[in-house]
Amino acid sequence: MKQITKKLLFLLVILIGVAACSKDEPIGMWESMKWEEPSGLTKVDGIYIVPVTGGTYKFTCKNYKPWVAEIFDYYDQTIAVRVDGSFEGTWYSVKCEGNDVTFTFKPLADDGDIHDVLVTLTAGDIFDRFRFIQRP
């Protein structure tokens, strides 16, 4: 009788453990990043148009604390270098602090230049992308 009681208790513990391990959200079903965007940037078809004069723009994520996952510069093909908590390319920088992501762009040096960068941000299993184009 003692053996049966131990086995039943063991099964009960396993069932409670399995039930307690269920997740609220299934894998891949996390809420997308929600952004408060700065004024002064035009957005066309999901691409931000940076003025010729450059500038600094702060985006605030309302529901995550993102960090940089990847930066791809379409024309410069150089790798952004990590400097004092930010990533710096030849004409831009990206800095993540808490919920804020600050993008800084230098002015265009040449009338024939076109700058185009894609920045992928992550907060673990959730990603968001920002594409910026600067042209004369």
Protein backbone atom coordinates (compact mmCIF):
# COMPACT_ATOMS: atom_id res chain seq x y z
CA MET A 1 0.00 0.00 0.00
CA LYS A 2 2.90 2.33 0.80
CA GLN A 3 4.40 1.76 -2.67
CA ILE A 4 1.12 2.69 -4.42
CA THR A 5 0.82 5.88 -2.38
CA LYS A 6 4.41 6.88 -3.29
CA LYS A 7 3.75 6.21 -6.99
CA LEU A 8 0.51 8.22 -6.96
CA LEU A 9 2.23 11.09 -5.17
CA PHE A 10 5.08 10.95 -7.70
CA LEU A 11 2.64 11.08 -10.64
CA LEU A 12 0.76 13.97 -9.03
CA VAL A 13 4.00 15.96 -8.66
CA ILE A 14 4.90 15.32 -12.31
CA LEU A 15 1.45 16.42 -13.52
CA ILE A 16 1.59 19.61 -11.48
CA GLY A 17 5.09 20.33 -12.77
CA VAL A 18 4.08 19.89 -16.41
CA ALA A 19 1.02 22.08 -15.95
CA ALA A 20 3.10 24.81 -14.28
CA CYS A 21 5.58 24.91 -17.17
CA SER A 22 3.11 26.07 -19.80
CA LYS A 23 3.83 29.49 -21.33
CA ASP A 24 1.44 32.39 -21.75
CA GLU A 25 2.65 33.06 -25.27
CA PRO A 26 3.62 30.38 -27.79
CA ILE A 27 7.07 30.59 -29.36
CA GLY A 28 7.20 33.25 -32.07
CA MET A 29 4.03 35.02 -30.93
CA TRP A 30 5.61 37.88 -28.98
CA GLU A 31 4.20 41.36 -29.27
CA SER A 32 5.95 43.45 -31.92
CA MET A 33 8.03 46.45 -30.88
CA LYS A 34 5.98 49.62 -30.46
CA TRP A 35 7.84 52.85 -31.26
CA GLU A 36 7.48 56.51 -30.47
CA GLU A 37 9.08 58.14 -33.50
CA PRO A 38 10.79 61.54 -33.61
CA SER A 39 9.52 64.42 -35.66
CA GLY A 40 11.59 65.75 -38.54
CA LEU A 41 11.99 62.51 -40.48
CA THR A 42 9.94 61.65 -43.53
CA LYS A 43 8.92 58.02 -43.93
CA VAL A 44 8.15 56.66 -47.41
CA ASP A 45 7.18 52.99 -47.86
CA GLY A 46 8.73 52.12 -44.51
CA ILE A 47 12.04 53.87 -45.28
CA TYR A 48 13.16 56.96 -43.37
CA ILE A 49 14.50 59.77 -45.56
CA VAL A 50 17.39 61.53 -43.84
CA PRO A 51 17.88 65.20 -44.83
CA VAL A 52 21.06 66.22 -46.67
CA THR A 53 22.06 68.12 -43.53
CA GLY A 54 21.98 64.92 -41.44
CA GLY A 55 20.75 65.10 -37.84
CA THR A 56 20.09 63.16 -34.65
CA TYR A 57 16.83 61.25 -34.13
CA LYS A 58 15.73 59.44 -30.98
CA PHE A 59 13.25 56.56 -31.20
CA THR A 60 11.70 55.21 -27.98
CA CYS A 61 10.51 51.61 -27.75
CA LYS A 62 7.47 51.49 -25.50
CA ASN A 63 7.53 47.78 -24.67
CA TYR A 64 11.13 46.49 -24.92
CA LYS A 65 14.74 47.54 -24.30
CA PRO A 66 16.31 46.83 -27.70
CA TRP A 67 19.92 46.49 -28.75
CA VAL A 68 21.67 46.36 -32.13
CA ALA A 69 21.63 42.94 -33.79
CA GLU A 70 23.00 43.90 -37.21
CA ILE A 71 23.91 46.92 -39.34
CA PHE A 72 24.17 46.71 -43.11
CA ASP A 73 25.38 49.70 -45.13
CA TYR A 74 24.31 49.16 -48.75
CA TYR A 75 26.92 51.41 -50.36
CA ASP A 76 29.83 51.77 -47.93
CA GLN A 77 30.25 48.02 -47.20
CA THR A 78 32.27 48.78 -44.08
CA ILE A 79 31.51 47.32 -40.68
CA ALA A 80 30.26 49.65 -37.98
CA VAL A 81 32.71 49.85 -35.09
CA ARG A 82 31.58 49.71 -31.47
CA VAL A 83 32.72 52.90 -29.68
CA ASP A 84 31.63 53.84 -26.13
CA GLY A 85 28.34 51.92 -26.26
CA SER A 86 27.41 52.97 -29.79
CA PHE A 87 28.05 51.63 -33.27
CA GLU A 88 29.73 54.06 -35.66
CA GLY A 89 29.88 53.86 -39.42
CA THR A 90 31.52 56.39 -41.74
CA TRP A 91 28.39 58.56 -41.93
CA TYR A 92 26.10 57.37 -39.09
CA SER A 93 26.03 56.12 -35.51
CA VAL A 94 23.49 54.06 -33.54
CA LYS A 95 23.26 54.09 -29.75
CA CYS A 96 20.89 52.04 -27.56
CA GLU A 97 20.24 53.16 -23.99
CA GLY A 98 17.36 51.50 -22.13
CA ASN A 99 14.26 51.98 -24.26
CA ASP A 100 15.85 54.71 -26.43
CA VAL A 101 17.66 54.22 -29.73
CA THR A 102 19.45 57.27 -31.11
CA PHE A 103 20.46 57.47 -34.77
CA THR A 104 22.91 60.22 -35.78
CA PHE A 105 23.70 61.02 -39.41
CA LYS A 106 26.48 63.25 -40.75
CA PRO A 107 25.71 65.78 -43.52
CA LEU A 108 26.23 64.63 -47.09
CA ALA A 109 29.77 65.57 -48.17
CA ASP A 110 29.26 65.15 -51.93
CA ASP A 111 26.25 65.91 -54.13
CA GLY A 112 26.62 62.52 -55.81
CA ASP A 113 26.59 60.50 -52.59
CA ILE A 114 23.79 58.17 -51.62
CA HIS A 115 23.76 56.70 -48.13
CA ASP A 116 21.58 53.71 -47.35
CA VAL A 117 21.72 51.73 -44.11
CA LEU A 118 19.58 48.98 -42.59
CA VAL A 119 19.71 48.60 -38.80
CA THR A 120 18.21 45.51 -37.19
CA LEU A 121 17.32 45.81 -33.52
CA THR A 122 16.42 42.96 -31.19
CA ALA A 123 15.14 42.40 -27.68
CA GLY A 124 15.84 38.67 -27.63
CA ASP A 125 13.31 36.77 -29.73
CA ILE A 126 11.72 39.88 -31.28
CA PHE A 127 13.29 41.95 -34.09
CA ASP A 128 12.58 45.22 -35.85
CA ARG A 129 14.33 46.91 -38.78
CA PHE A 130 14.99 50.55 -39.60
CA ARG A 131 16.15 51.58 -43.04
CA PHE A 132 17.51 55.08 -43.62
CA ILE A 133 18.36 56.67 -46.99
CA GLN A 134 20.19 59.97 -47.40
CA ARG A 135 20.57 61.42 -50.87
CA PRO A 136 20.83 64.82 -52.59
